[in-house]
Amino acid sequence: MTDSRKIKLLFRHRSMEMGGVEKVMLSLLNNLDREKFDMTVLLNLNQGELRNEIPAHVRKVYLTDGKEDMSKNSILQKVQLLQRKRKLEKLAKNPEIIDRAILKDTYDVEIAMTYNDFEPVLKSTNKASKKIGWFHSEINVPKLQPLVPKILEHFPQFDYMVYCSQRIKDHMHRHCPDLKYPPESVIVNAIPIDEIKEKSQQPISDKWPVNFSHPVFISVGRLHTRKGYHKLMEAHAKLLKDGFLHYVIILGNGEELPNLLLQQKKLGVESTFFFAGNKMNPYPYMKQADFFIMPSESEAWPLVLAEALILQKPAIATDTGDVATMMEDRKTGYLISYNTDDMYTAMKEFLTNDELVAGIRKNLEHIEEKFDNRWIFAEVEEILLNLVKK
């Protein structure tokens, strides 16, 4: 590469459903120096609420259409989904088709945004490119175990590995001390502070599902078992039974929704525990709620928690990943273990201990100083520049 041209970056990812990884990628696309980098995003599926949020100066390419572009007829859609699956399977076995007929270009650096993107990046026929992996998961999480052998196989093949939290890196080295690791760094997720504050002032796009006669807890996340919403609902039902009136609103969609709706009906909390779906702008909802809660079994450096803190919401969060570095227990938030009893106790404290809540609100007044983005993008750029020089 000569100094006279831009470094060509290729980001690989499955799709653009609303999520933390997708927001991290968008922050990189929006903030990396466009005078230094020529950026392309390759999606497996042109799908998700954020699919049109990729900035105009970034080339977007995709392997197959998203569900949004398919027939509304259920039978036809099943046929289209089967055809899509077969096409993706064919392309996975023949990566040269992607490089030659779809991308029609070569890149200096190829970036896998999650472990699901590791294999496509490593199978690229462009052997001259540098390969970077982005790792967001605790290696010892039970549900990850079926994938661990493949992850461990992929790790040494990268030229560089980025962890989004120190705890994720420490877990990896503790559980796999003999693995041949590539050069690596910890780079936490960037927070668009001004954008969050500005968007939180916008009006709510649809009717707020509850009145404000009782406090409202809000959570934002994909509906997946590891997000802990089933445990949160149990704690909610127990609090109501004990006379502590409140509401819970969940913003997000996902495969766990049918099970959660069954649990909601079984516990009889349809009028107090709401699933409001994905919101392109969740911040006005977060701002209007009284409290934020993140009941996850595992997280790395949860972007959504930082967003809640910036909006000065007293937050309850499981002590997982780097959460304890983001907020101080009983000072700028409330740390809990991943169990229903801890969720019950913390929520009861927020509902009854006005002095504790007032102290947390006061301590959150200058919390945004903790989330300074300036060094994050500078460090990513330095990694990219140094890799290409080698």
Protein backbone atom coordinates (compact mmCIF):
# COMPACT_ATOMS: atom_id res chain seq x y z
CA MET A 1 0.00 0.00 0.00
CA THR A 2 1.28 3.48 -0.86
CA ASP A 3 0.72 6.53 1.31
CA SER A 4 -1.20 8.20 -1.54
CA ARG A 5 -4.32 6.03 -1.25
CA LYS A 6 -6.79 5.21 1.46
CA ILE A 7 -6.68 1.99 3.44
CA LYS A 8 -9.53 -0.24 2.30
CA LEU A 9 -11.54 -1.79 5.14
CA LEU A 10 -14.14 -4.55 4.87
CA PHE A 11 -16.51 -5.11 7.80
CA ARG A 12 -18.31 -8.49 7.83
CA HIS A 13 -21.54 -9.02 9.78
CA ARG A 14 -24.71 -11.10 9.59
CA SER A 15 -27.37 -8.37 9.52
CA MET A 16 -28.46 -5.09 11.10
CA GLU A 17 -31.03 -6.06 13.71
CA MET A 18 -31.09 -3.64 16.64
CA GLY A 19 -28.26 -4.59 18.98
CA GLY A 20 -25.08 -3.50 20.69
CA VAL A 21 -22.68 -4.98 18.12
CA GLU A 22 -24.54 -3.26 15.30
CA LYS A 23 -24.30 0.08 17.13
CA VAL A 24 -20.58 -0.45 17.70
CA MET A 25 -20.04 -1.05 13.99
CA LEU A 26 -22.08 2.03 13.10
CA SER A 27 -20.02 4.15 15.49
CA LEU A 28 -16.83 2.96 13.78
CA LEU A 29 -18.24 3.66 10.32
CA ASN A 30 -19.32 7.14 11.36
CA ASN A 31 -16.16 8.13 13.22
CA LEU A 32 -13.13 6.54 11.55
CA ASP A 33 -11.31 9.13 9.45
CA ARG A 34 -12.80 8.94 5.97
CA GLU A 35 -9.70 10.69 4.58
CA LYS A 36 -7.63 7.68 5.69
CA PHE A 37 -10.08 4.80 5.23
CA ASP A 38 -12.30 3.60 2.39
CA MET A 39 -14.96 1.46 4.10
CA THR A 40 -17.26 -1.33 2.90
CA VAL A 41 -19.81 -3.34 4.90
CA LEU A 42 -20.72 -6.84 3.71
CA LEU A 43 -23.91 -8.22 5.30
CA ASN A 44 -25.11 -11.78 4.93
CA LEU A 45 -28.69 -10.49 5.10
CA ASN A 46 -29.90 -7.01 4.18
CA GLN A 47 -32.12 -7.19 7.24
CA GLY A 48 -32.88 -5.35 10.46
CA GLU A 49 -34.04 -2.03 11.84
CA LEU A 50 -30.59 -0.49 11.34
CA ARG A 51 -30.01 -1.63 7.75
CA ASN A 52 -30.53 1.90 6.38
CA GLU A 53 -28.39 3.55 9.07
CA ILE A 54 -25.06 2.75 7.39
CA PRO A 55 -23.60 6.16 6.49
CA ALA A 56 -23.67 7.33 2.88
CA HIS A 57 -19.88 7.40 2.50
CA VAL A 58 -19.70 3.64 3.29
CA ARG A 59 -20.37 1.08 0.56
CA LYS A 60 -22.96 -1.51 1.61
CA VAL A 61 -23.05 -4.93 -0.04
CA TYR A 62 -25.19 -7.92 0.93
CA LEU A 63 -25.44 -11.58 0.00
CA THR A 64 -29.22 -12.00 0.24
CA ASP A 65 -32.39 -9.99 0.79
CA GLY A 66 -33.82 -9.46 4.24
CA LYS A 67 -37.27 -10.52 5.43
CA GLU A 68 -38.41 -6.95 4.88
CA ASP A 69 -38.11 -7.50 1.12
CA MET A 70 -39.88 -10.84 1.01
CA SER A 71 -43.49 -11.68 0.24
CA LYS A 72 -46.08 -11.09 2.96
CA ASN A 73 -47.72 -14.35 1.92
CA SER A 74 -46.60 -16.90 4.53
CA ILE A 75 -46.29 -19.78 2.06
CA LEU A 76 -44.28 -17.76 -0.45
CA GLN A 77 -42.11 -16.39 2.34
CA LYS A 78 -41.25 -19.93 3.51
CA VAL A 79 -40.13 -20.73 -0.04
CA GLN A 80 -38.05 -17.54 -0.17
CA LEU A 81 -36.46 -18.32 3.21
CA LEU A 82 -35.52 -21.80 2.02
CA GLN A 83 -34.01 -20.37 -1.17
CA ARG A 84 -32.10 -17.83 0.90
CA LYS A 85 -30.75 -20.53 3.20
CA ARG A 86 -29.54 -22.59 0.24
CA LYS A 87 -27.88 -19.56 -1.34
CA LEU A 88 -26.04 -18.72 1.88
CA GLU A 89 -24.90 -22.33 2.27
CA LYS A 90 -23.56 -22.31 -1.29
CA LEU A 91 -21.72 -19.03 -0.76
CA ALA A 92 -20.25 -20.26 2.54
CA LYS A 93 -18.75 -23.22 0.68
CA ASN A 94 -17.56 -21.05 -2.22
CA PRO A 95 -16.14 -17.79 -0.79
CA GLU A 96 -14.47 -17.04 -4.11
CA ILE A 97 -17.93 -16.24 -5.52
CA ILE A 98 -18.37 -13.56 -2.85
CA ASP A 99 -14.98 -12.01 -3.54
CA ARG A 100 -15.17 -12.23 -7.33
CA ALA A 101 -18.86 -11.70 -8.19
CA ILE A 102 -20.30 -9.77 -5.24
CA LEU A 103 -17.56 -7.65 -3.69
CA LYS A 104 -15.53 -7.35 -6.89
CA ASP A 105 -12.72 -5.79 -4.90
CA THR A 106 -9.85 -6.57 -2.53
CA TYR A 107 -9.19 -5.03 0.88
CA ASP A 108 -6.24 -4.19 3.09
CA VAL A 109 -8.05 -5.18 6.31
CA GLU A 110 -11.05 -7.48 6.85
CA ILE A 111 -12.90 -7.19 10.17
CA ALA A 112 -15.16 -9.78 11.81
CA MET A 113 -17.53 -7.96 14.16
CA THR A 114 -18.48 -11.06 16.22
CA TYR A 115 -17.37 -14.69 16.53
CA ASN A 116 -20.15 -15.62 14.07
CA ASP A 117 -18.26 -13.58 11.47
CA PHE A 118 -14.88 -15.19 12.19
CA GLU A 119 -15.14 -18.00 9.64
CA PRO A 120 -16.29 -15.87 6.67
CA VAL A 121 -13.43 -13.44 7.23
CA LEU A 122 -10.83 -16.16 7.66
CA LYS A 123 -12.11 -17.96 4.52
CA SER A 124 -11.66 -14.86 2.38
CA THR A 125 -9.74 -15.64 -0.79
CA ASN A 126 -7.85 -12.37 -0.31
CA LYS A 127 -4.89 -13.88 1.51
CA ALA A 128 -2.95 -10.61 1.52
CA SER A 129 -5.46 -8.79 3.75
CA LYS A 130 -4.96 -8.44 7.48
CA LYS A 131 -7.70 -10.08 9.54
CA ILE A 132 -9.15 -8.57 12.74
CA GLY A 133 -11.60 -10.28 15.08
CA TRP A 134 -13.87 -8.44 17.52
CA PHE A 135 -14.77 -10.53 20.59
CA HIS A 136 -17.69 -9.63 22.87
CA SER A 137 -18.42 -12.87 24.77
CA GLU A 138 -17.36 -14.53 28.03
CA ILE A 139 -15.85 -17.82 26.91
CA ASN A 140 -17.27 -19.73 29.91
CA VAL A 141 -20.95 -18.88 29.35
CA PRO A 142 -22.81 -22.24 29.23
CA LYS A 143 -24.76 -21.56 26.03
CA LEU A 144 -21.56 -20.64 24.18
CA GLN A 145 -19.91 -24.01 24.87
CA PRO A 146 -21.02 -25.80 21.65
CA LEU A 147 -19.25 -23.05 19.68
CA VAL A 148 -16.09 -22.84 21.77
CA PRO A 149 -14.00 -25.43 19.85
CA LYS A 150 -14.49 -23.51 16.60
CA ILE A 151 -13.78 -20.17 18.31
CA LEU A 152 -10.53 -21.55 19.71
CA GLU A 153 -9.58 -22.85 16.29
CA HIS A 154 -10.17 -19.43 14.75
CA PHE A 155 -8.43 -17.23 17.33
CA PRO A 156 -4.78 -17.92 16.34
CA GLN A 157 -5.58 -17.39 12.66
CA PHE A 158 -6.27 -13.68 13.12
CA ASP A 159 -3.64 -10.98 12.76
CA TYR A 160 -5.22 -9.03 15.60
CA MET A 161 -7.97 -9.50 18.21
CA VAL A 162 -10.02 -6.73 19.85
CA TYR A 163 -11.93 -7.35 23.08
CA CYS A 164 -14.68 -4.96 24.08
CA SER A 165 -13.94 -5.33 27.79
CA GLN A 166 -11.01 -6.20 30.03
CA ARG A 167 -13.06 -8.87 31.76
CA ILE A 168 -13.75 -10.61 28.44
CA LYS A 169 -10.02 -10.71 27.71
CA ASP A 170 -9.20 -11.92 31.23
CA HIS A 171 -11.84 -14.68 31.01
CA MET A 172 -10.40 -15.81 27.68
CA HIS A 173 -6.84 -16.06 28.96
CA ARG A 174 -7.89 -17.66 32.23
CA HIS A 175 -9.90 -20.41 30.56
CA CYS A 176 -7.57 -20.91 27.58
CA PRO A 177 -4.06 -20.11 28.88
CA ASP A 178 -2.24 -22.23 26.29
CA LEU A 179 -3.95 -20.81 23.23
CA LYS A 180 -1.68 -19.09 20.72
CA TYR A 181 -3.10 -15.57 20.87
CA PRO A 182 -2.58 -12.96 18.15
CA PRO A 183 -1.66 -9.39 19.15
CA GLU A 184 -4.64 -7.97 21.04
CA SER A 185 -6.17 -4.90 22.68
CA VAL A 186 -9.14 -3.98 24.83
CA ILE A 187 -11.25 -1.24 23.24
CA VAL A 188 -14.53 -0.44 24.95
CA ASN A 189 -17.63 0.53 22.99
CA ALA A 190 -17.91 4.17 21.98
CA ILE A 191 -20.88 6.19 23.21
CA PRO A 192 -22.42 8.92 20.99
CA ILE A 193 -23.22 11.11 24.00
CA ASP A 194 -24.54 14.20 22.22
CA GLU A 195 -26.68 12.10 19.87
CA ILE A 196 -28.23 10.17 22.78
CA LYS A 197 -29.09 13.35 24.68
CA GLU A 198 -30.52 15.02 21.56
CA LYS A 199 -32.63 12.00 20.57
CA SER A 200 -33.96 11.63 24.11
CA GLN A 201 -35.69 15.00 23.70
CA GLN A 202 -37.77 13.82 20.73
CA PRO A 203 -41.45 12.93 21.28
CA ILE A 204 -42.39 9.29 21.80
CA SER A 205 -43.59 7.91 18.47
CA ASP A 206 -46.47 5.87 19.86
CA LYS A 207 -48.67 5.70 22.94
CA TRP A 208 -46.89 5.02 26.21
CA PRO A 209 -48.40 1.72 27.36
CA VAL A 210 -49.00 2.66 31.01
CA ASN A 211 -50.10 5.61 33.05
CA PHE A 212 -47.71 7.19 35.51
CA SER A 213 -49.52 6.38 38.74
CA HIS A 214 -46.71 3.96 39.66
CA PRO A 215 -42.94 3.84 38.93
CA VAL A 216 -41.74 2.42 35.62
CA PHE A 217 -38.68 0.19 35.13
CA ILE A 218 -37.43 -0.04 31.54
CA SER A 219 -35.02 -2.44 29.87
CA VAL A 220 -33.70 -2.50 26.31
CA GLY A 221 -32.32 -5.62 24.69
CA ARG A 222 -32.79 -8.52 22.35
CA LEU A 223 -35.27 -11.10 23.64
CA HIS A 224 -32.86 -13.95 24.28
CA THR A 225 -32.67 -16.28 27.28
CA ARG A 226 -29.32 -14.88 28.43
CA LYS A 227 -30.88 -11.42 28.78
CA GLY A 228 -32.69 -12.66 31.90
CA TYR A 229 -36.15 -11.29 31.18
CA HIS A 230 -37.77 -14.50 32.45
CA LYS A 231 -36.12 -13.94 35.84
CA LEU A 232 -37.06 -10.26 35.79
CA MET A 233 -40.70 -11.19 35.20
CA GLU A 234 -40.60 -13.56 38.18
CA ALA A 235 -39.22 -10.79 40.39
CA HIS A 236 -41.85 -8.38 39.06
CA ALA A 237 -44.71 -10.78 39.85
CA LYS A 238 -43.38 -11.39 43.35
CA LEU A 239 -43.12 -7.63 44.01
CA LEU A 240 -46.71 -7.11 42.90
CA LYS A 241 -47.86 -9.96 45.13
CA ASP A 242 -46.11 -8.29 48.07
CA GLY A 243 -47.82 -4.97 47.36
CA PHE A 244 -45.03 -3.03 45.60
CA LEU A 245 -46.85 -1.53 42.60
CA HIS A 246 -44.85 -0.70 39.47
CA TYR A 247 -44.56 -1.41 35.74
CA VAL A 248 -41.87 -2.99 33.58
CA ILE A 249 -41.42 -2.15 29.89
CA ILE A 250 -39.09 -4.12 27.62
CA LEU A 251 -37.96 -2.59 24.32
CA GLY A 252 -36.72 -5.24 21.91
CA ASN A 253 -37.63 -8.27 19.83
CA GLY A 254 -36.22 -11.76 19.55
CA GLU A 255 -36.75 -15.48 19.45
CA GLU A 256 -37.65 -15.73 23.15
CA LEU A 257 -40.82 -13.62 22.80
CA PRO A 258 -43.28 -16.56 22.48
CA ASN A 259 -41.94 -18.14 25.68
CA LEU A 260 -42.02 -14.81 27.51
CA LEU A 261 -45.61 -14.19 26.43
CA LEU A 262 -46.61 -17.59 27.78
CA GLN A 263 -44.88 -16.79 31.07
CA GLN A 264 -46.54 -13.35 31.14
CA LYS A 265 -49.98 -15.00 30.87
CA LYS A 266 -49.15 -17.71 33.41
CA LEU A 267 -48.05 -15.12 35.98
CA GLY A 268 -51.01 -12.85 35.19
CA VAL A 269 -48.89 -9.75 34.54
CA GLU A 270 -50.22 -8.78 31.08
CA SER A 271 -51.27 -5.35 32.36
CA THR A 272 -48.01 -4.54 34.18
CA PHE A 273 -45.16 -6.20 32.25
CA PHE A 274 -45.05 -4.98 28.64
CA PHE A 275 -43.16 -6.03 25.52
CA ALA A 276 -43.13 -2.88 23.40
CA GLY A 277 -41.00 -4.16 20.49
CA ASN A 278 -37.98 -2.52 18.91
CA LYS A 279 -37.77 1.26 18.73
CA MET A 280 -35.50 3.04 16.29
CA ASN A 281 -35.13 5.72 18.95
CA PRO A 282 -35.42 4.14 22.41
CA TYR A 283 -34.04 7.16 24.25
CA PRO A 284 -37.29 9.11 24.86
CA TYR A 285 -38.75 5.96 26.43
CA MET A 286 -35.67 5.53 28.60
CA LYS A 287 -35.78 9.18 29.62
CA GLN A 288 -39.44 9.01 30.67
CA ALA A 289 -39.03 5.84 32.73
CA ASP A 290 -38.11 6.12 36.40
CA PHE A 291 -35.48 3.37 36.46
CA PHE A 292 -33.41 1.22 34.11
CA ILE A 293 -32.76 -2.48 34.70
CA MET A 294 -30.39 -4.89 32.91
CA PRO A 295 -30.94 -8.45 34.20
CA SER A 296 -28.51 -10.21 31.82
CA GLU A 297 -26.75 -13.48 32.53
CA SER A 298 -23.73 -12.26 30.55
CA GLU A 299 -22.58 -9.03 28.93
CA ALA A 300 -19.22 -7.60 27.97
CA TRP A 301 -19.28 -3.80 28.04
CA PRO A 302 -23.03 -3.18 27.59
CA LEU A 303 -23.61 -0.13 25.46
CA VAL A 304 -27.26 0.13 26.57
CA LEU A 305 -26.25 0.50 30.22
CA ALA A 306 -23.90 3.36 29.36
CA GLU A 307 -26.76 5.00 27.44
CA ALA A 308 -29.05 4.73 30.46
CA LEU A 309 -26.40 6.22 32.74
CA ILE A 310 -25.82 9.13 30.35
CA LEU A 311 -29.58 9.79 30.54
CA GLN A 312 -29.09 9.81 34.34
CA LYS A 313 -31.40 6.86 34.99
CA PRO A 314 -30.80 5.04 38.29
CA ALA A 315 -29.89 1.56 37.02
CA ILE A 316 -29.92 -1.98 38.34
CA ALA A 317 -27.55 -4.32 36.49
CA THR A 318 -26.05 -7.76 36.92
CA ASP A 319 -22.37 -7.71 37.85
CA THR A 320 -21.14 -9.27 34.62
CA GLY A 321 -18.49 -8.27 32.11
CA ASP A 322 -17.19 -4.77 32.82
CA VAL A 323 -20.41 -3.51 34.42
CA ALA A 324 -18.66 -2.87 37.75
CA THR A 325 -16.23 -0.50 35.98
CA MET A 326 -19.12 1.41 34.42
CA MET A 327 -21.08 2.13 37.60
CA GLU A 328 -20.27 2.00 41.30
CA ASP A 329 -22.57 -0.06 43.52
CA ARG A 330 -25.01 2.08 45.56
CA LYS A 331 -23.25 5.21 44.23
CA THR A 332 -24.06 5.48 40.52
CA GLY A 333 -26.10 2.28 40.25
CA TYR A 334 -27.01 -0.99 41.93
CA LEU A 335 -25.10 -4.20 41.18
CA ILE A 336 -26.81 -7.59 41.53
CA SER A 337 -26.16 -11.26 40.86
CA TYR A 338 -28.00 -13.12 38.14
CA ASN A 339 -30.92 -14.44 40.19
CA THR A 340 -34.55 -13.56 40.85
CA ASP A 341 -34.05 -12.81 44.55
CA ASP A 342 -31.38 -10.18 43.86
CA MET A 343 -33.60 -8.56 41.22
CA TYR A 344 -36.50 -8.51 43.69
CA THR A 345 -34.38 -6.94 46.44
CA ALA A 346 -32.86 -4.26 44.19
CA MET A 347 -36.19 -3.27 42.64
CA LYS A 348 -37.78 -3.10 46.09
CA GLU A 349 -34.97 -0.80 47.22
CA PHE A 350 -35.57 1.53 44.29
CA LEU A 351 -39.30 1.52 45.00
CA THR A 352 -38.97 2.19 48.73
CA ASN A 353 -35.61 3.80 49.51
CA ASP A 354 -35.96 7.41 48.36
CA GLU A 355 -32.66 8.42 49.95
CA LEU A 356 -30.71 5.78 47.98
CA VAL A 357 -32.35 6.76 44.69
CA ALA A 358 -31.82 10.47 45.30
CA GLY A 359 -28.13 9.85 46.02
CA ILE A 360 -27.69 7.86 42.82
CA ARG A 361 -29.44 10.55 40.78
CA LYS A 362 -27.13 13.18 42.27
CA ASN A 363 -24.02 11.14 41.51
CA LEU A 364 -25.13 10.64 37.89
CA GLU A 365 -25.12 14.36 37.13
CA HIS A 366 -21.54 14.22 35.76
CA ILE A 367 -21.39 10.56 34.72
CA GLU A 368 -20.85 11.35 31.02
CA GLU A 369 -17.30 12.46 31.87
CA LYS A 370 -16.60 8.75 32.39
CA PHE A 371 -17.39 7.93 28.76
CA ASP A 372 -14.85 9.88 26.70
CA ASN A 373 -14.80 8.63 23.10
CA ARG A 374 -11.80 10.54 21.81
CA TRP A 375 -9.17 7.90 22.55
CA ILE A 376 -11.31 5.00 21.32
CA PHE A 377 -11.34 5.90 17.62
CA ALA A 378 -7.72 7.07 17.77
CA GLU A 379 -6.68 3.65 19.11
CA VAL A 380 -8.67 1.78 16.45
CA GLU A 381 -7.09 3.90 13.73
CA GLU A 382 -3.61 3.25 15.13
CA ILE A 383 -4.22 -0.51 15.12
CA LEU A 384 -5.38 -0.39 11.50
CA LEU A 385 -2.48 1.78 10.33
CA ASN A 386 0.13 -0.35 12.09
CA LEU A 387 -1.32 -3.59 10.71
CA VAL A 388 -1.17 -2.37 7.14
CA LYS A 389 2.41 -1.15 7.55
CA LYS A 390 3.62 -4.65 8.48
